[in-house]
């Protein structure tokens, strides 16, 4: 007897963006390694790649993520 049952049907209202198929899904149809989510709405899932792109840009430009050694500066 299995301890954990694999969920094959998603909950209504859970939206995911599948990275492999490049489509929005209601419920987790694809493996977790291939999807972003859950999102509260279909629209937010459709914008998943834009949201990820914006967040990556914010992190790349955030000075808290770059120490002086990584930039080649010496603050001493």
PDB file of N, CA and C in Angstrom:
ATOM      1  N   UNK A   1       0.841  -1.184   0.000  1.00  0.00           N
ATOM      2  CA  UNK A   1       0.000   0.000   0.000  1.00  0.00           C
ATOM      3  C   UNK A   1       0.887   1.249   0.000  1.00  0.00           C
ATOM      4  N   UNK A   2       0.626   2.138  -0.920  1.00  0.00           N
ATOM      5  CA  UNK A   2       1.429   3.354  -1.043  1.00  0.00           C
ATOM      6  C   UNK A   2       1.079   4.351   0.056  1.00  0.00           C
ATOM      7  N   UNK A   3       2.095   4.998   0.572  1.00  0.00           N
ATOM      8  CA  UNK A   3       1.860   6.017   1.598  1.00  0.00           C
ATOM      9  C   UNK A   3       1.343   7.314   0.998  1.00  0.00           C
ATOM     10  N   UNK A   4       1.827   7.632  -0.177  1.00  0.00           N
ATOM     11  CA  UNK A   4       1.439   8.871  -0.826  1.00  0.00           C
ATOM     12  C   UNK A   4       0.803   8.554  -2.165  1.00  0.00           C
ATOM     13  N   UNK A   5      -0.381   9.036  -2.353  1.00  0.00           N
ATOM     14  CA  UNK A   5      -1.073   8.810  -3.612  1.00  0.00           C
ATOM     15  C   UNK A   5      -0.767   9.958  -4.558  1.00  0.00           C
ATOM     16  N   UNK A   6      -0.367   9.623  -5.765  1.00  0.00           N
ATOM     17  CA  UNK A   6      -0.077  10.650  -6.764  1.00  0.00           C
ATOM     18  C   UNK A   6      -1.374  11.316  -7.184  1.00  0.00           C
ATOM     19  N   UNK A   7      -1.401  12.623  -7.088  1.00  0.00           N
ATOM     20  CA  UNK A   7      -2.592  13.367  -7.472  1.00  0.00           C
ATOM     21  C   UNK A   7      -2.611  13.524  -8.980  1.00  0.00           C
ATOM     22  N   UNK A   8      -3.614  12.971  -9.608  1.00  0.00           N
ATOM     23  CA  UNK A   8      -3.688  13.029 -11.063  1.00  0.00           C
ATOM     24  C   UNK A   8      -4.611  14.138 -11.546  1.00  0.00           C
ATOM     25  N   UNK A   9      -5.466  14.641 -10.684  1.00  0.00           N
ATOM     26  CA  UNK A   9      -6.398  15.698 -11.065  1.00  0.00           C
ATOM     27  C   UNK A   9      -6.140  16.897 -10.167  1.00  0.00           C
ATOM     28  N   UNK A  10      -6.057  18.060 -10.760  1.00  0.00           N
ATOM     29  CA  UNK A  10      -5.798  19.261  -9.991  1.00  0.00           C
ATOM     30  C   UNK A  10      -7.045  19.801  -9.321  1.00  0.00           C
ATOM     31  N   UNK A  11      -6.832  20.692  -8.403  1.00  0.00           N
ATOM     32  CA  UNK A  11      -7.949  21.353  -7.743  1.00  0.00           C
ATOM     33  C   UNK A  11      -8.492  22.443  -8.655  1.00  0.00           C
ATOM     34  N   UNK A  12      -9.787  22.614  -8.690  1.00  0.00           N
ATOM     35  CA  UNK A  12     -10.341  23.731  -9.461  1.00  0.00           C
ATOM     36  C   UNK A  12      -9.791  25.054  -8.913  1.00  0.00           C
ATOM     37  N   UNK A  13      -9.406  25.930  -9.801  1.00  0.00           N
ATOM     38  CA  UNK A  13      -8.883  27.227  -9.373  1.00  0.00           C
ATOM     39  C   UNK A  13      -7.374  27.272  -9.219  1.00  0.00           C
ATOM     40  N   UNK A  14      -6.691  26.137  -9.353  1.00  0.00           N
ATOM     41  CA  UNK A  14      -5.226  26.122  -9.347  1.00  0.00           C
ATOM     42  C   UNK A  14      -4.759  26.160 -10.791  1.00  0.00           C
ATOM     43  N   UNK A  15      -4.008  27.158 -11.138  1.00  0.00           N
ATOM     44  CA  UNK A  15      -3.530  27.323 -12.517  1.00  0.00           C
ATOM     45  C   UNK A  15      -2.024  27.231 -12.544  1.00  0.00           C
ATOM     46  N   UNK A  16      -1.507  26.560 -13.556  1.00  0.00           N
ATOM     47  CA  UNK A  16      -0.078  26.354 -13.728  1.00  0.00           C
ATOM     48  C   UNK A  16       0.319  26.709 -15.147  1.00  0.00           C
ATOM     49  N   UNK A  17       1.605  27.039 -15.303  1.00  0.00           N
ATOM     50  CA  UNK A  17       2.157  27.232 -16.639  1.00  0.00           C
ATOM     51  C   UNK A  17       3.160  26.123 -16.864  1.00  0.00           C
ATOM     52  N   UNK A  18       2.932  25.294 -17.875  1.00  0.00           N
ATOM     53  CA  UNK A  18       3.823  24.185 -18.203  1.00  0.00           C
ATOM     54  C   UNK A  18       4.961  24.699 -19.080  1.00  0.00           C
ATOM     55  N   UNK A  19       6.181  24.534 -18.596  1.00  0.00           N
ATOM     56  CA  UNK A  19       7.361  24.992 -19.323  1.00  0.00           C
ATOM     57  C   UNK A  19       7.674  24.110 -20.523  1.00  0.00           C
ATOM     58  N   UNK A  20       7.325  22.845 -20.445  1.00  0.00           N
ATOM     59  CA  UNK A  20       7.608  21.931 -21.549  1.00  0.00           C
ATOM     60  C   UNK A  20       6.638  22.131 -22.710  1.00  0.00           C
ATOM     61  N   UNK A  21       5.349  22.240 -22.395  1.00  0.00           N
ATOM     62  CA  UNK A  21       4.338  22.374 -23.439  1.00  0.00           C
ATOM     63  C   UNK A  21       3.988  23.822 -23.764  1.00  0.00           C
ATOM     64  N   UNK A  22       4.502  24.744 -22.935  1.00  0.00           N
ATOM     65  CA  UNK A  22       4.265  26.185 -23.119  1.00  0.00           C
ATOM     66  C   UNK A  22       2.774  26.492 -23.190  1.00  0.00           C
ATOM     67  N   UNK A  23       2.052  25.985 -22.157  1.00  0.00           N
ATOM     68  CA  UNK A  23       0.615  26.218 -22.105  1.00  0.00           C
ATOM     69  C   UNK A  23       0.154  26.287 -20.661  1.00  0.00           C
ATOM     70  N   UNK A  24      -1.016  26.873 -20.485  1.00  0.00           N
ATOM     71  CA  UNK A  24      -1.633  27.002 -19.166  1.00  0.00           C
ATOM     72  C   UNK A  24      -2.474  25.763 -18.904  1.00  0.00           C
ATOM     73  N   UNK A  25      -2.395  25.272 -17.649  1.00  0.00           N
ATOM     74  CA  UNK A  25      -3.150  24.097 -17.250  1.00  0.00           C
ATOM     75  C   UNK A  25      -3.926  24.404 -15.978  1.00  0.00           C
ATOM     76  N   UNK A  26      -5.114  23.868 -15.880  1.00  0.00           N
ATOM     77  CA  UNK A  26      -5.834  23.948 -14.605  1.00  0.00           C
ATOM     78  C   UNK A  26      -5.541  22.668 -13.861  1.00  0.00           C
ATOM     79  N   UNK A  27      -4.863  22.796 -12.746  1.00  0.00           N
ATOM     80  CA  UNK A  27      -4.422  21.622 -12.010  1.00  0.00           C
ATOM     81  C   UNK A  27      -3.074  21.155 -12.509  1.00  0.00           C
ATOM     82  N   UNK A  28      -2.356  20.404 -11.689  1.00  0.00           N
ATOM     83  CA  UNK A  28      -1.009  19.962 -12.075  1.00  0.00           C
ATOM     84  C   UNK A  28      -1.054  18.763 -13.015  1.00  0.00           C
ATOM     85  N   UNK A  29      -1.135  19.015 -14.306  1.00  0.00           N
ATOM     86  CA  UNK A  29      -1.124  17.930 -15.285  1.00  0.00           C
ATOM     87  C   UNK A  29       0.290  17.415 -15.537  1.00  0.00           C
ATOM     88  N   UNK A  30       1.262  18.292 -15.523  1.00  0.00           N
ATOM     89  CA  UNK A  30       2.642  17.919 -15.815  1.00  0.00           C
ATOM     90  C   UNK A  30       3.445  17.861 -14.508  1.00  0.00           C
ATOM     91  N   UNK A  31       4.614  17.191 -14.531  1.00  0.00           N
ATOM     92  CA  UNK A  31       5.453  17.092 -13.334  1.00  0.00           C
ATOM     93  C   UNK A  31       5.878  18.466 -12.810  1.00  0.00           C
ATOM     94  N   UNK A  32       6.114  18.539 -11.523  1.00  0.00           N
ATOM     95  CA  UNK A  32       6.499  19.789 -10.873  1.00  0.00           C
ATOM     96  C   UNK A  32       7.744  20.430 -11.463  1.00  0.00           C
ATOM     97  N   UNK A  33       8.679  19.616 -11.955  1.00  0.00           N
ATOM     98  CA  UNK A  33       9.915  20.169 -12.528  1.00  0.00           C
ATOM     99  C   UNK A  33       9.659  20.917 -13.827  1.00  0.00           C
ATOM    100  N   UNK A  34       8.486  20.723 -14.415  1.00  0.00           N
ATOM    101  CA  UNK A  34       8.170  21.332 -15.705  1.00  0.00           C
ATOM    102  C   UNK A  34       7.137  22.444 -15.624  1.00  0.00           C
ATOM    103  N   UNK A  35       6.858  22.948 -14.433  1.00  0.00           N
ATOM    104  CA  UNK A  35       5.786  23.939 -14.354  1.00  0.00           C
ATOM    105  C   UNK A  35       6.062  25.033 -13.334  1.00  0.00           C
ATOM    106  N   UNK A  36       5.444  26.172 -13.554  1.00  0.00           N
ATOM    107  CA  UNK A  36       5.392  27.277 -12.600  1.00  0.00           C
ATOM    108  C   UNK A  36       3.992  27.286 -12.014  1.00  0.00           C
ATOM    109  N   UNK A  37       3.880  27.630 -10.748  1.00  0.00           N
ATOM    110  CA  UNK A  37       2.559  27.759 -10.162  1.00  0.00           C
ATOM    111  C   UNK A  37       2.511  27.114  -8.792  1.00  0.00           C
ATOM    112  N   UNK A  38       1.375  27.138  -8.174  1.00  0.00           N
ATOM    113  CA  UNK A  38       0.067  27.512  -8.708  1.00  0.00           C
ATOM    114  C   UNK A  38      -0.166  29.014  -8.690  1.00  0.00           C
ATOM    115  N   UNK A  39      -0.991  29.444  -9.602  1.00  0.00           N
ATOM    116  CA  UNK A  39      -1.435  30.829  -9.696  1.00  0.00           C
ATOM    117  C   UNK A  39      -2.933  30.861  -9.405  1.00  0.00           C
ATOM    118  N   UNK A  40      -3.419  31.973  -8.877  1.00  0.00           N
ATOM    119  CA  UNK A  40      -4.847  32.062  -8.540  1.00  0.00           C
ATOM    120  C   UNK A  40      -5.775  32.230  -9.740  1.00  0.00           C
ATOM    121  N   UNK A  41      -5.219  32.589 -10.896  1.00  0.00           N
ATOM    122  CA  UNK A  41      -6.087  32.791 -12.062  1.00  0.00           C
ATOM    123  C   UNK A  41      -5.374  32.346 -13.333  1.00  0.00           C
ATOM    124  N   UNK A  42      -6.160  32.099 -14.363  1.00  0.00           N
ATOM    125  CA  UNK A  42      -5.615  31.709 -15.666  1.00  0.00           C
ATOM    126  C   UNK A  42      -4.734  32.828 -16.229  1.00  0.00           C
ATOM    127  N   UNK A  43      -5.160  34.075 -16.059  1.00  0.00           N
ATOM    128  CA  UNK A  43      -4.417  35.220 -16.594  1.00  0.00           C
ATOM    129  C   UNK A  43      -3.022  35.298 -15.974  1.00  0.00           C
ATOM    130  N   UNK A  44      -2.947  35.102 -14.657  1.00  0.00           N
ATOM    131  CA  UNK A  44      -1.634  35.155 -14.010  1.00  0.00           C
ATOM    132  C   UNK A  44      -0.740  34.022 -14.498  1.00  0.00           C
ATOM    133  N   UNK A  45      -1.305  32.839 -14.718  1.00  0.00           N
ATOM    134  CA  UNK A  45      -0.520  31.724 -15.247  1.00  0.00           C
ATOM    135  C   UNK A  45      -0.053  32.019 -16.672  1.00  0.00           C
ATOM    136  N   UNK A  46      -0.898  32.675 -17.474  1.00  0.00           N
ATOM    137  CA  UNK A  46      -0.515  33.028 -18.840  1.00  0.00           C
ATOM    138  C   UNK A  46       0.656  34.004 -18.851  1.00  0.00           C
ATOM    139  N   UNK A  47       0.772  34.809 -17.807  1.00  0.00           N
ATOM    140  CA  UNK A  47       1.844  35.800 -17.716  1.00  0.00           C
ATOM    141  C   UNK A  47       3.046  35.289 -16.925  1.00  0.00           C
ATOM    142  N   UNK A  48       3.114  33.989 -16.672  1.00  0.00           N
ATOM    143  CA  UNK A  48       4.174  33.418 -15.833  1.00  0.00           C
ATOM    144  C   UNK A  48       5.571  33.731 -16.362  1.00  0.00           C
ATOM    145  N   UNK A  49       5.780  33.613 -17.658  1.00  0.00           N
ATOM    146  CA  UNK A  49       7.112  33.860 -18.209  1.00  0.00           C
ATOM    147  C   UNK A  49       7.488  35.333 -18.122  1.00  0.00           C
ATOM    148  N   UNK A  50       6.527  36.225 -18.310  1.00  0.00           N
ATOM    149  CA  UNK A  50       6.795  37.658 -18.162  1.00  0.00           C
ATOM    150  C   UNK A  50       7.141  37.983 -16.715  1.00  0.00           C
ATOM    151  N   UNK A  51       6.391  37.386 -15.783  1.00  0.00           N
ATOM    152  CA  UNK A  51       6.648  37.609 -14.359  1.00  0.00           C
ATOM    153  C   UNK A  51       8.044  37.114 -13.995  1.00  0.00           C
ATOM    154  N   UNK A  52       8.420  35.932 -14.471  1.00  0.00           N
ATOM    155  CA  UNK A  52       9.757  35.391 -14.189  1.00  0.00           C
ATOM    156  C   UNK A  52      10.842  36.284 -14.779  1.00  0.00           C
ATOM    157  N   UNK A  53      10.632  36.765 -15.992  1.00  0.00           N
ATOM    158  CA  UNK A  53      11.610  37.650 -16.651  1.00  0.00           C
ATOM    159  C   UNK A  53      11.789  38.942 -15.844  1.00  0.00           C
ATOM    160  N   UNK A  54      10.679  39.524 -15.386  1.00  0.00           N
ATOM    161  CA  UNK A  54      10.749  40.755 -14.592  1.00  0.00           C
ATOM    162  C   UNK A  54      11.470  40.526 -13.271  1.00  0.00           C
ATOM    163  N   UNK A  55      11.168  39.417 -12.616  1.00  0.00           N
ATOM    164  CA  UNK A  55      11.823  39.122 -11.335  1.00  0.00           C
ATOM    165  C   UNK A  55      13.309  38.871 -11.520  1.00  0.00           C
ATOM    166  N   UNK A  56      13.678  38.158 -12.576  1.00  0.00           N
ATOM    167  CA  UNK A  56      15.097  37.927 -12.838  1.00  0.00           C
ATOM    168  C   UNK A  56      15.837  39.242 -13.055  1.00  0.00           C
ATOM    169  N   UNK A  57      15.231  40.144 -13.792  1.00  0.00           N
ATOM    170  CA  UNK A  57      15.849  41.441 -14.040  1.00  0.00           C
ATOM    171  C   UNK A  57      16.005  42.232 -12.737  1.00  0.00           C
ATOM    172  N   UNK A  58      14.983  42.190 -11.890  1.00  0.00           N
ATOM    173  CA  UNK A  58      15.068  42.865 -10.590  1.00  0.00           C
ATOM    174  C   UNK A  58      16.208  42.285  -9.755  1.00  0.00           C
ATOM    175  N   UNK A  59      16.329  40.976  -9.703  1.00  0.00           N
ATOM    176  CA  UNK A  59      17.376  40.336  -8.905  1.00  0.00           C
ATOM    177  C   UNK A  59      18.753  40.629  -9.475  1.00  0.00           C
ATOM    178  N   UNK A  60      18.886  40.644 -10.779  1.00  0.00           N
ATOM    179  CA  UNK A  60      20.185  40.928 -11.393  1.00  0.00           C
ATOM    180  C   UNK A  60      20.648  42.348 -11.104  1.00  0.00           C
ATOM    181  N   UNK A  61      19.720  43.255 -10.919  1.00  0.00           N
ATOM    182  CA  UNK A  61      20.057  44.656 -10.675  1.00  0.00           C
ATOM    183  C   UNK A  61      19.967  45.051  -9.209  1.00  0.00           C
ATOM    184  N   UNK A  62      19.714  44.111  -8.328  1.00  0.00           N
ATOM    185  CA  UNK A  62      19.590  44.397  -6.901  1.00  0.00           C
ATOM    186  C   UNK A  62      20.983  44.383  -6.262  1.00  0.00           C
ATOM    187  N   UNK A  63      21.434  45.514  -5.739  1.00  0.00           N
ATOM    188  CA  UNK A  63      22.789  45.572  -5.175  1.00  0.00           C
ATOM    189  C   UNK A  63      22.978  44.661  -3.967  1.00  0.00           C
ATOM    190  N   UNK A  64      21.903  44.256  -3.310  1.00  0.00           N
ATOM    191  CA  UNK A  64      22.031  43.358  -2.157  1.00  0.00           C
ATOM    192  C   UNK A  64      22.495  41.970  -2.583  1.00  0.00           C
ATOM    193  N   UNK A  65      22.346  41.613  -3.864  1.00  0.00           N
ATOM    194  CA  UNK A  65      22.744  40.297  -4.355  1.00  0.00           C
ATOM    195  C   UNK A  65      24.151  40.292  -4.925  1.00  0.00           C
ATOM    196  N   UNK A  66      24.806  41.442  -4.964  1.00  0.00           N
ATOM    197  CA  UNK A  66      26.140  41.531  -5.545  1.00  0.00           C
ATOM    198  C   UNK A  66      27.089  42.114  -4.498  1.00  0.00           C
ATOM    199  N   UNK A  67      28.028  41.296  -4.055  1.00  0.00           N
ATOM    200  CA  UNK A  67      28.990  41.835  -3.102  1.00  0.00           C
ATOM    201  C   UNK A  67      30.154  42.485  -3.852  1.00  0.00           C
ATOM    202  N   UNK A  68      30.966  43.196  -3.144  1.00  0.00           N
ATOM    203  CA  UNK A  68      32.036  43.950  -3.788  1.00  0.00           C
ATOM    204  C   UNK A  68      33.060  43.038  -4.455  1.00  0.00           C
ATOM    205  N   UNK A  69      33.309  41.856  -3.918  1.00  0.00           N
ATOM    206  CA  UNK A  69      34.287  40.939  -4.510  1.00  0.00           C
ATOM    207  C   UNK A  69      33.824  40.454  -5.882  1.00  0.00           C
ATOM    208  N   UNK A  70      32.546  40.238  -6.023  1.00  0.00           N
ATOM    209  CA  UNK A  70      32.019  39.757  -7.300  1.00  0.00           C
ATOM    210  C   UNK A  70      32.139  40.825  -8.387  1.00  0.00           C
ATOM    211  N   UNK A  71      32.098  42.091  -7.998  1.00  0.00           N
ATOM    212  CA  UNK A  71      32.208  43.177  -8.965  1.00  0.00           C
ATOM    213  C   UNK A  71      33.651  43.585  -9.202  1.00  0.00           C
ATOM    214  N   UNK A  72      34.578  43.013  -8.450  1.00  0.00           N
ATOM    215  CA  UNK A  72      35.991  43.344  -8.629  1.00  0.00           C
ATOM    216  C   UNK A  72      36.401  44.604  -7.908  1.00  0.00           C
ATOM    217  N   UNK A  73      35.612  45.042  -6.950  1.00  0.00           N
ATOM    218  CA  UNK A  73      35.944  46.252  -6.179  1.00  0.00           C
ATOM    219  C   UNK A  73      36.437  45.854  -4.815  1.00  0.00           C
ATOM    220  N   UNK A  74      37.283  46.668  -4.262  1.00  0.00           N
ATOM    221  CA  UNK A  74      37.811  46.428  -2.929  1.00  0.00           C
ATOM    222  C   UNK A  74      37.372  47.604  -2.058  1.00  0.00           C
ATOM    223  N   UNK A  75      36.502  47.332  -1.078  1.00  0.00           N
ATOM    224  CA  UNK A  75      35.957  48.408  -0.235  1.00  0.00           C
ATOM    225  C   UNK A  75      36.836  48.732   0.965  1.00  0.00           C
ATOM    226  N   UNK A  76      37.981  48.048   1.137  1.00  0.00           N
ATOM    227  CA  UNK A  76      38.830  48.294   2.309  1.00  0.00           C
ATOM    228  C   UNK A  76      39.618  49.546   2.193  1.00  0.00           C
TER     229      UNK A  76
END
